[in-house]
Amino acid sequence: FQDYIQDAQTRLQNHQLKPGEDIRTDSNGRVQVSGQ
């Protein structure tokens, strides 16, 4: 889970998320993931 969060955070910054990949950063800077 942590490895995925780190990878997703990097791809979020580089605009490389996959279709349907719901990754967000909340007001405290924490990464939140959801969806299939």
All heavy atoms as atom14 arrays in JSON, in Angstrom:
{
  "sequence": "FQDYIQDAQTRLQNHQLKPGEDIRTDSNGRVQVSGQ",
  "atom14_mask": [
    [1, 1, 1, 1, 1, 1, 1, 1, 1, 1, 1, 0, 0, 0],
    [1, 1, 1, 1, 1, 1, 1, 1, 1, 0, 0, 0, 0, 0],
    [1, 1, 1, 1, 1, 1, 1, 1, 0, 0, 0, 0, 0, 0],
    [1, 1, 1, 1, 1, 1, 1, 1, 1, 1, 1, 1, 0, 0],
    [1, 1, 1, 1, 1, 1, 1, 1, 0, 0, 0, 0, 0, 0],
    [1, 1, 1, 1, 1, 1, 1, 1, 1, 0, 0, 0, 0, 0],
    [1, 1, 1, 1, 1, 1, 1, 1, 0, 0, 0, 0, 0, 0],
    [1, 1, 1, 1, 1, 0, 0, 0, 0, 0, 0, 0, 0, 0],
    [1, 1, 1, 1, 1, 1, 1, 1, 1, 0, 0, 0, 0, 0],
    [1, 1, 1, 1, 1, 1, 1, 0, 0, 0, 0, 0, 0, 0],
    [1, 1, 1, 1, 1, 1, 1, 1, 1, 1, 1, 0, 0, 0],
    [1, 1, 1, 1, 1, 1, 1, 1, 0, 0, 0, 0, 0, 0],
    [1, 1, 1, 1, 1, 1, 1, 1, 1, 0, 0, 0, 0, 0],
    [1, 1, 1, 1, 1, 1, 1, 1, 0, 0, 0, 0, 0, 0],
    [1, 1, 1, 1, 1, 1, 1, 1, 1, 1, 0, 0, 0, 0],
    [1, 1, 1, 1, 1, 1, 1, 1, 1, 0, 0, 0, 0, 0],
    [1, 1, 1, 1, 1, 1, 1, 1, 0, 0, 0, 0, 0, 0],
    [1, 1, 1, 1, 1, 1, 1, 1, 1, 0, 0, 0, 0, 0],
    [1, 1, 1, 1, 1, 1, 1, 0, 0, 0, 0, 0, 0, 0],
    [1, 1, 1, 1, 0, 0, 0, 0, 0, 0, 0, 0, 0, 0],
    [1, 1, 1, 1, 1, 1, 1, 1, 1, 0, 0, 0, 0, 0],
    [1, 1, 1, 1, 1, 1, 1, 1, 0, 0, 0, 0, 0, 0],
    [1, 1, 1, 1, 1, 1, 1, 1, 0, 0, 0, 0, 0, 0],
    [1, 1, 1, 1, 1, 1, 1, 1, 1, 1, 1, 0, 0, 0],
    [1, 1, 1, 1, 1, 1, 1, 0, 0, 0, 0, 0, 0, 0],
    [1, 1, 1, 1, 1, 1, 1, 1, 0, 0, 0, 0, 0, 0],
    [1, 1, 1, 1, 1, 1, 0, 0, 0, 0, 0, 0, 0, 0],
    [1, 1, 1, 1, 1, 1, 1, 1, 0, 0, 0, 0, 0, 0],
    [1, 1, 1, 1, 0, 0, 0, 0, 0, 0, 0, 0, 0, 0],
    [1, 1, 1, 1, 1, 1, 1, 1, 1, 1, 1, 0, 0, 0],
    [1, 1, 1, 1, 1, 1, 1, 0, 0, 0, 0, 0, 0, 0],
    [1, 1, 1, 1, 1, 1, 1, 1, 1, 0, 0, 0, 0, 0],
    [1, 1, 1, 1, 1, 1, 1, 0, 0, 0, 0, 0, 0, 0],
    [1, 1, 1, 1, 1, 1, 0, 0, 0, 0, 0, 0, 0, 0],
    [1, 1, 1, 1, 0, 0, 0, 0, 0, 0, 0, 0, 0, 0],
    [1, 1, 1, 1, 1, 1, 1, 1, 1, 0, 0, 0, 0, 0]
  ],
  "atom14_positions": [
    [[0.83, -1.2, 0.0], [0.0, 0.0, 0.0], [0.87, 1.25, 0.0], [0.64, 2.19, -0.78], [-0.92, -0.01, 1.22], [-1.82, 1.2, 1.32], [-2.96, 1.31, 0.53], [-1.52, 2.23, 2.2], [-3.77, 2.42, 0.6], [-2.32, 3.35, 2.29], [-3.46, 3.44, 1.49], [0.0, 0.0, 0.0], [0.0, 0.0, 0.0], [0.0, 0.0, 0.0]],
    [[1.9, 1.26, 0.84], [2.79, 2.42, 0.9], [3.57, 2.6, -0.4], [3.76, 3.73, -0.88], [3.75, 2.28, 2.09], [3.09, 2.33, 3.45], [2.35, 3.63, 3.71], [2.71, 4.69, 3.17], [1.29, 3.57, 4.5], [0.0, 0.0, 0.0], [0.0, 0.0, 0.0], [0.0, 0.0, 0.0], [0.0, 0.0, 0.0], [0.0, 0.0, 0.0]],
    [[4.04, 1.49, -0.97], [4.76, 1.57, -2.25], [3.86, 2.15, -3.34], [4.31, 2.95, -4.17], [5.25, 0.18, -2.67], [6.39, -0.32, -1.81], [6.98, 0.48, -1.05], [6.7, -1.53, -1.89], [0.0, 0.0, 0.0], [0.0, 0.0, 0.0], [0.0, 0.0, 0.0], [0.0, 0.0, 0.0], [0.0, 0.0, 0.0], [0.0, 0.0, 0.0]],
    [[2.61, 1.72, -3.33], [1.67, 2.24, -4.33], [1.43, 3.73, -4.12], [1.41, 4.5, -5.08], [0.34, 1.48, -4.28], [-0.71, 2.13, -5.16], [-0.59, 2.07, -6.55], [-1.77, 2.85, -4.62], [-1.51, 2.7, -7.37], [-2.7, 3.48, -5.43], [-2.57, 3.4, -6.8], [-3.47, 4.03, -7.6], [0.0, 0.0, 0.0], [0.0, 0.0, 0.0]],
    [[1.27, 4.15, -2.86], [1.03, 5.57, -2.56], [2.19, 6.42, -3.08], [1.98, 7.46, -3.72], [0.87, 5.78, -1.04], [-0.44, 5.17, -0.54], [0.93, 7.27, -0.69], [-1.67, 5.89, -0.99], [0.0, 0.0, 0.0], [0.0, 0.0, 0.0], [0.0, 0.0, 0.0], [0.0, 0.0, 0.0], [0.0, 0.0, 0.0], [0.0, 0.0, 0.0]],
    [[3.41, 5.97, -2.82], [4.59, 6.73, -3.27], [4.63, 6.83, -4.79], [4.88, 7.9, -5.36], [5.86, 6.09, -2.74], [6.04, 6.21, -1.24], [7.29, 5.51, -0.73], [8.11, 5.03, -1.52], [7.45, 5.44, 0.58], [0.0, 0.0, 0.0], [0.0, 0.0, 0.0], [0.0, 0.0, 0.0], [0.0, 0.0, 0.0], [0.0, 0.0, 0.0]],
    [[4.4, 5.71, -5.45], [4.41, 5.69, -6.91], [3.28, 6.56, -7.48], [3.49, 7.32, -8.43], [4.27, 4.26, -7.41], [4.22, 4.16, -8.92], [5.21, 4.52, -9.58], [3.16, 3.75, -9.44], [0.0, 0.0, 0.0], [0.0, 0.0, 0.0], [0.0, 0.0, 0.0], [0.0, 0.0, 0.0], [0.0, 0.0, 0.0], [0.0, 0.0, 0.0]],
    [[2.1, 6.44, -6.88], [0.95, 7.21, -7.37], [1.17, 8.71, -7.18], [0.77, 9.52, -8.03], [-0.32, 6.76, -6.65], [0.0, 0.0, 0.0], [0.0, 0.0, 0.0], [0.0, 0.0, 0.0], [0.0, 0.0, 0.0], [0.0, 0.0, 0.0], [0.0, 0.0, 0.0], [0.0, 0.0, 0.0], [0.0, 0.0, 0.0], [0.0, 0.0, 0.0]],
    [[1.79, 9.07, -6.07], [2.06, 10.49, -5.8], [2.99, 11.07, -6.87], [2.77, 12.18, -7.37], [2.68, 10.63, -4.42], [2.7, 12.06, -3.89], [3.05, 12.11, -2.42], [3.59, 11.16, -1.86], [2.72, 13.21, -1.76], [0.0, 0.0, 0.0], [0.0, 0.0, 0.0], [0.0, 0.0, 0.0], [0.0, 0.0, 0.0], [0.0, 0.0, 0.0]],
    [[4.0, 10.29, -7.24], [4.93, 10.74, -8.28], [4.21, 10.88, -9.62], [4.38, 11.89, -10.33], [6.09, 9.74, -8.42], [6.78, 9.64, -7.18], [7.06, 10.2, -9.51], [0.0, 0.0, 0.0], [0.0, 0.0, 0.0], [0.0, 0.0, 0.0], [0.0, 0.0, 0.0], [0.0, 0.0, 0.0], [0.0, 0.0, 0.0], [0.0, 0.0, 0.0]],
    [[3.39, 9.9, -9.95], [2.67, 9.94, -11.23], [1.6, 11.04, -11.24], [1.32, 11.62, -12.29], [2.05, 8.57, -11.53], [3.1, 7.53, -11.89], [2.53, 6.19, -12.33], [1.85, 5.48, -11.26], [0.54, 5.33, -11.15], [-0.27, 5.82, -12.08], [0.0, 4.66, -10.14], [0.0, 0.0, 0.0], [0.0, 0.0, 0.0], [0.0, 0.0, 0.0]],
    [[1.04, 11.33, -10.07], [0.07, 12.43, -9.98], [0.74, 13.76, -10.32], [0.21, 14.58, -11.08], [-0.52, 12.48, -8.56], [-1.47, 13.66, -8.24], [-2.72, 13.59, -9.11], [-1.86, 13.63, -6.76], [0.0, 0.0, 0.0], [0.0, 0.0, 0.0], [0.0, 0.0, 0.0], [0.0, 0.0, 0.0], [0.0, 0.0, 0.0], [0.0, 0.0, 0.0]],
    [[1.94, 13.95, -9.78], [2.69, 15.18, -10.05], [3.11, 15.29, -11.51], [3.21, 16.39, -12.06], [3.92, 15.24, -9.13], [3.58, 15.38, -7.66], [4.79, 15.15, -6.75], [5.86, 14.74, -7.21], [4.61, 15.42, -5.46], [0.0, 0.0, 0.0], [0.0, 0.0, 0.0], [0.0, 0.0, 0.0], [0.0, 0.0, 0.0], [0.0, 0.0, 0.0]],
    [[3.34, 14.13, -12.13], [3.79, 14.11, -13.53], [2.64, 13.92, -14.52], [2.88, 13.71, -15.71], [4.82, 12.99, -13.73], [6.09, 13.23, -12.95], [6.48, 14.37, -12.7], [6.75, 12.15, -12.53], [0.0, 0.0, 0.0], [0.0, 0.0, 0.0], [0.0, 0.0, 0.0], [0.0, 0.0, 0.0], [0.0, 0.0, 0.0], [0.0, 0.0, 0.0]],
    [[1.4, 13.99, -14.0], [0.2, 13.83, -14.85], [0.22, 12.51, -15.61], [-0.06, 12.45, -16.81], [0.08, 15.0, -15.84], [0.14, 16.35, -15.18], [-0.88, 16.85, -14.4], [1.12, 17.29, -15.15], [-0.55, 18.04, -13.94], [0.67, 18.34, -14.38], [0.0, 0.0, 0.0], [0.0, 0.0, 0.0], [0.0, 0.0, 0.0], [0.0, 0.0, 0.0]],
    [[0.54, 11.43, -14.89], [0.66, 10.11, -15.51], [-0.28, 9.08, -14.89], [-0.04, 7.88, -14.99], [2.11, 9.6, -15.38], [3.12, 10.42, -16.17], [4.54, 9.97, -15.91], [4.85, 9.4, -14.87], [5.42, 10.21, -16.89], [0.0, 0.0, 0.0], [0.0, 0.0, 0.0], [0.0, 0.0, 0.0], [0.0, 0.0, 0.0], [0.0, 0.0, 0.0]],
    [[-1.36, 9.54, -14.28], [-2.31, 8.6, -13.68], [-3.05, 7.83, -14.77], [-3.27, 8.32, -15.88], [-3.33, 9.34, -12.8], [-2.78, 9.99, -11.53], [-3.91, 10.67, -10.76], [-2.08, 8.96, -10.65], [0.0, 0.0, 0.0], [0.0, 0.0, 0.0], [0.0, 0.0, 0.0], [0.0, 0.0, 0.0], [0.0, 0.0, 0.0], [0.0, 0.0, 0.0]],
    [[-3.46, 6.6, -14.45], [-4.21, 5.78, -15.39], [-5.68, 6.19, -15.37], [-6.16, 6.75, -14.37], [-4.08, 4.31, -14.99], [-2.67, 3.77, -15.07], [-2.62, 2.31, -14.69], [-1.2, 1.76, -14.81], [-1.13, 0.34, -14.44], [0.0, 0.0, 0.0], [0.0, 0.0, 0.0], [0.0, 0.0, 0.0], [0.0, 0.0, 0.0], [0.0, 0.0, 0.0]],
    [[-6.4, 5.94, -16.45], [-7.84, 6.23, -16.46], [-8.55, 5.52, -15.3], [-8.35, 4.33, -15.09], [-8.31, 5.68, -17.81], [-7.09, 5.68, -18.67], [-5.94, 5.4, -17.75], [0.0, 0.0, 0.0], [0.0, 0.0, 0.0], [0.0, 0.0, 0.0], [0.0, 0.0, 0.0], [0.0, 0.0, 0.0], [0.0, 0.0, 0.0], [0.0, 0.0, 0.0]],
    [[-9.34, 6.27, -14.54], [-10.07, 5.69, -13.43], [-9.3, 5.63, -12.13], [-9.83, 5.21, -11.1], [0.0, 0.0, 0.0], [0.0, 0.0, 0.0], [0.0, 0.0, 0.0], [0.0, 0.0, 0.0], [0.0, 0.0, 0.0], [0.0, 0.0, 0.0], [0.0, 0.0, 0.0], [0.0, 0.0, 0.0], [0.0, 0.0, 0.0], [0.0, 0.0, 0.0]],
    [[-8.04, 6.06, -12.14], [-7.22, 6.05, -10.93], [-7.5, 7.33, -10.14], [-7.14, 8.43, -10.57], [-5.74, 5.96, -11.32], [-4.85, 5.42, -10.23], [-3.44, 5.15, -10.73], [-3.1, 5.54, -11.87], [-2.66, 4.55, -9.97], [0.0, 0.0, 0.0], [0.0, 0.0, 0.0], [0.0, 0.0, 0.0], [0.0, 0.0, 0.0], [0.0, 0.0, 0.0]],
    [[-8.13, 7.19, -8.99], [-8.58, 8.35, -8.21], [-7.59, 8.62, -7.09], [-7.63, 8.02, -6.02], [-9.98, 8.08, -7.64], [-10.62, 9.33, -7.06], [-9.97, 10.39, -7.08], [-11.77, 9.25, -6.58], [0.0, 0.0, 0.0], [0.0, 0.0, 0.0], [0.0, 0.0, 0.0], [0.0, 0.0, 0.0], [0.0, 0.0, 0.0], [0.0, 0.0, 0.0]],
    [[-6.65, 9.53, -7.34], [-5.61, 9.88, -6.37], [-5.72, 11.38, -6.07], [-5.72, 12.2, -6.99], [-4.19, 9.6, -6.93], [-4.13, 8.23, -7.59], [-3.14, 9.76, -5.84], [-4.29, 7.08, -6.66], [0.0, 0.0, 0.0], [0.0, 0.0, 0.0], [0.0, 0.0, 0.0], [0.0, 0.0, 0.0], [0.0, 0.0, 0.0], [0.0, 0.0, 0.0]],
    [[-5.82, 11.71, -4.79], [-5.96, 13.12, -4.41], [-5.08, 13.44, -3.22], [-4.75, 12.57, -2.42], [-7.43, 13.44, -4.06], [-8.39, 13.18, -5.21], [-9.83, 13.36, -4.77], [-10.76, 12.95, -5.82], [-12.07, 12.95, -5.69], [-12.63, 13.32, -4.55], [-12.85, 12.55, -6.69], [0.0, 0.0, 0.0], [0.0, 0.0, 0.0], [0.0, 0.0, 0.0]],
    [[-4.7, 14.71, -3.1], [-3.96, 15.19, -1.94], [-4.87, 16.08, -1.12], [-5.43, 17.05, -1.64], [-2.71, 15.98, -2.37], [-1.91, 15.15, -3.23], [-1.89, 16.41, -1.17], [0.0, 0.0, 0.0], [0.0, 0.0, 0.0], [0.0, 0.0, 0.0], [0.0, 0.0, 0.0], [0.0, 0.0, 0.0], [0.0, 0.0, 0.0], [0.0, 0.0, 0.0]],
    [[-5.05, 15.73, 0.18], [-5.98, 16.52, 1.0], [-5.31, 17.8, 1.48], [-4.15, 18.09, 1.16], [-6.53, 15.69, 2.16], [-5.46, 15.28, 3.16], [-4.36, 15.88, 3.14], [-5.72, 14.37, 3.97], [0.0, 0.0, 0.0], [0.0, 0.0, 0.0], [0.0, 0.0, 0.0], [0.0, 0.0, 0.0], [0.0, 0.0, 0.0], [0.0, 0.0, 0.0]],
    [[-6.02, 18.57, 2.3], [-5.54, 19.88, 2.75], [-4.29, 19.78, 3.62], [-3.53, 20.74, 3.77], [-6.64, 20.61, 3.52], [-7.1, 19.82, 4.61], [0.0, 0.0, 0.0], [0.0, 0.0, 0.0], [0.0, 0.0, 0.0], [0.0, 0.0, 0.0], [0.0, 0.0, 0.0], [0.0, 0.0, 0.0], [0.0, 0.0, 0.0], [0.0, 0.0, 0.0]],
    [[-4.07, 18.58, 4.2], [-2.88, 18.37, 5.03], [-1.71, 17.77, 4.25], [-0.69, 17.42, 4.83], [-3.23, 17.44, 6.2], [-4.26, 18.04, 7.13], [-4.17, 19.22, 7.46], [-5.24, 17.25, 7.54], [0.0, 0.0, 0.0], [0.0, 0.0, 0.0], [0.0, 0.0, 0.0], [0.0, 0.0, 0.0], [0.0, 0.0, 0.0], [0.0, 0.0, 0.0]],
    [[-1.91, 17.63, 2.93], [-0.85, 17.11, 2.09], [-0.76, 15.61, 2.05], [0.17, 15.05, 1.46], [0.0, 0.0, 0.0], [0.0, 0.0, 0.0], [0.0, 0.0, 0.0], [0.0, 0.0, 0.0], [0.0, 0.0, 0.0], [0.0, 0.0, 0.0], [0.0, 0.0, 0.0], [0.0, 0.0, 0.0], [0.0, 0.0, 0.0], [0.0, 0.0, 0.0]],
    [[-1.75, 14.92, 2.63], [-1.76, 13.47, 2.61], [-2.41, 12.96, 1.34], [-3.42, 13.5, 0.9], [-2.5, 12.91, 3.84], [-1.75, 13.11, 5.15], [-2.55, 12.61, 6.32], [-3.85, 13.29, 6.4], [-4.49, 13.52, 7.54], [-3.98, 13.13, 8.68], [-5.67, 14.13, 7.53], [0.0, 0.0, 0.0], [0.0, 0.0, 0.0], [0.0, 0.0, 0.0]],
    [[-1.84, 11.88, 0.79], [-2.37, 11.31, -0.44], [-3.51, 10.36, -0.1], [-3.38, 9.51, 0.8], [-1.28, 10.55, -1.22], [-1.86, 9.91, -2.47], [-0.15, 11.5, -1.6], [0.0, 0.0, 0.0], [0.0, 0.0, 0.0], [0.0, 0.0, 0.0], [0.0, 0.0, 0.0], [0.0, 0.0, 0.0], [0.0, 0.0, 0.0], [0.0, 0.0, 0.0]],
    [[-4.62, 10.5, -0.78], [-5.77, 9.62, -0.58], [-6.07, 8.9, -1.89], [-6.05, 9.52, -2.95], [-7.0, 10.42, -0.14], [-6.83, 11.11, 1.21], [-8.06, 11.91, 1.6], [-8.69, 12.54, 0.76], [-8.39, 11.88, 2.88], [0.0, 0.0, 0.0], [0.0, 0.0, 0.0], [0.0, 0.0, 0.0], [0.0, 0.0, 0.0], [0.0, 0.0, 0.0]],
    [[-6.31, 7.6, -1.79], [-6.62, 6.81, -2.98], [-7.98, 6.15, -2.81], [-8.38, 5.82, -1.69], [-5.55, 5.73, -3.25], [-4.18, 6.36, -3.4], [-5.53, 4.68, -2.15], [0.0, 0.0, 0.0], [0.0, 0.0, 0.0], [0.0, 0.0, 0.0], [0.0, 0.0, 0.0], [0.0, 0.0, 0.0], [0.0, 0.0, 0.0], [0.0, 0.0, 0.0]],
    [[-8.68, 5.98, -3.92], [-9.97, 5.29, -3.87], [-10.26, 4.72, -5.25], [-9.63, 5.07, -6.24], [-11.09, 6.25, -3.43], [-11.23, 7.31, -4.36], [0.0, 0.0, 0.0], [0.0, 0.0, 0.0], [0.0, 0.0, 0.0], [0.0, 0.0, 0.0], [0.0, 0.0, 0.0], [0.0, 0.0, 0.0], [0.0, 0.0, 0.0], [0.0, 0.0, 0.0]],
    [[-11.25, 3.83, -5.29], [-11.68, 3.28, -6.58], [-11.03, 1.95, -6.9], [-10.02, 1.54, -6.33], [0.0, 0.0, 0.0], [0.0, 0.0, 0.0], [0.0, 0.0, 0.0], [0.0, 0.0, 0.0], [0.0, 0.0, 0.0], [0.0, 0.0, 0.0], [0.0, 0.0, 0.0], [0.0, 0.0, 0.0], [0.0, 0.0, 0.0], [0.0, 0.0, 0.0]],
    [[-11.65, 1.3, -7.87], [-11.26, -0.06, -8.25], [-9.87, -0.13, -8.85], [-9.13, -1.08, -8.6], [-12.3, -0.61, -9.23], [-12.2, -2.09, -9.49], [-13.32, -2.58, -10.38], [-13.71, -1.9, -11.32], [-13.86, -3.75, -10.09], [0.0, 0.0, 0.0], [0.0, 0.0, 0.0], [0.0, 0.0, 0.0], [0.0, 0.0, 0.0], [0.0, 0.0, 0.0]]
  ]
}
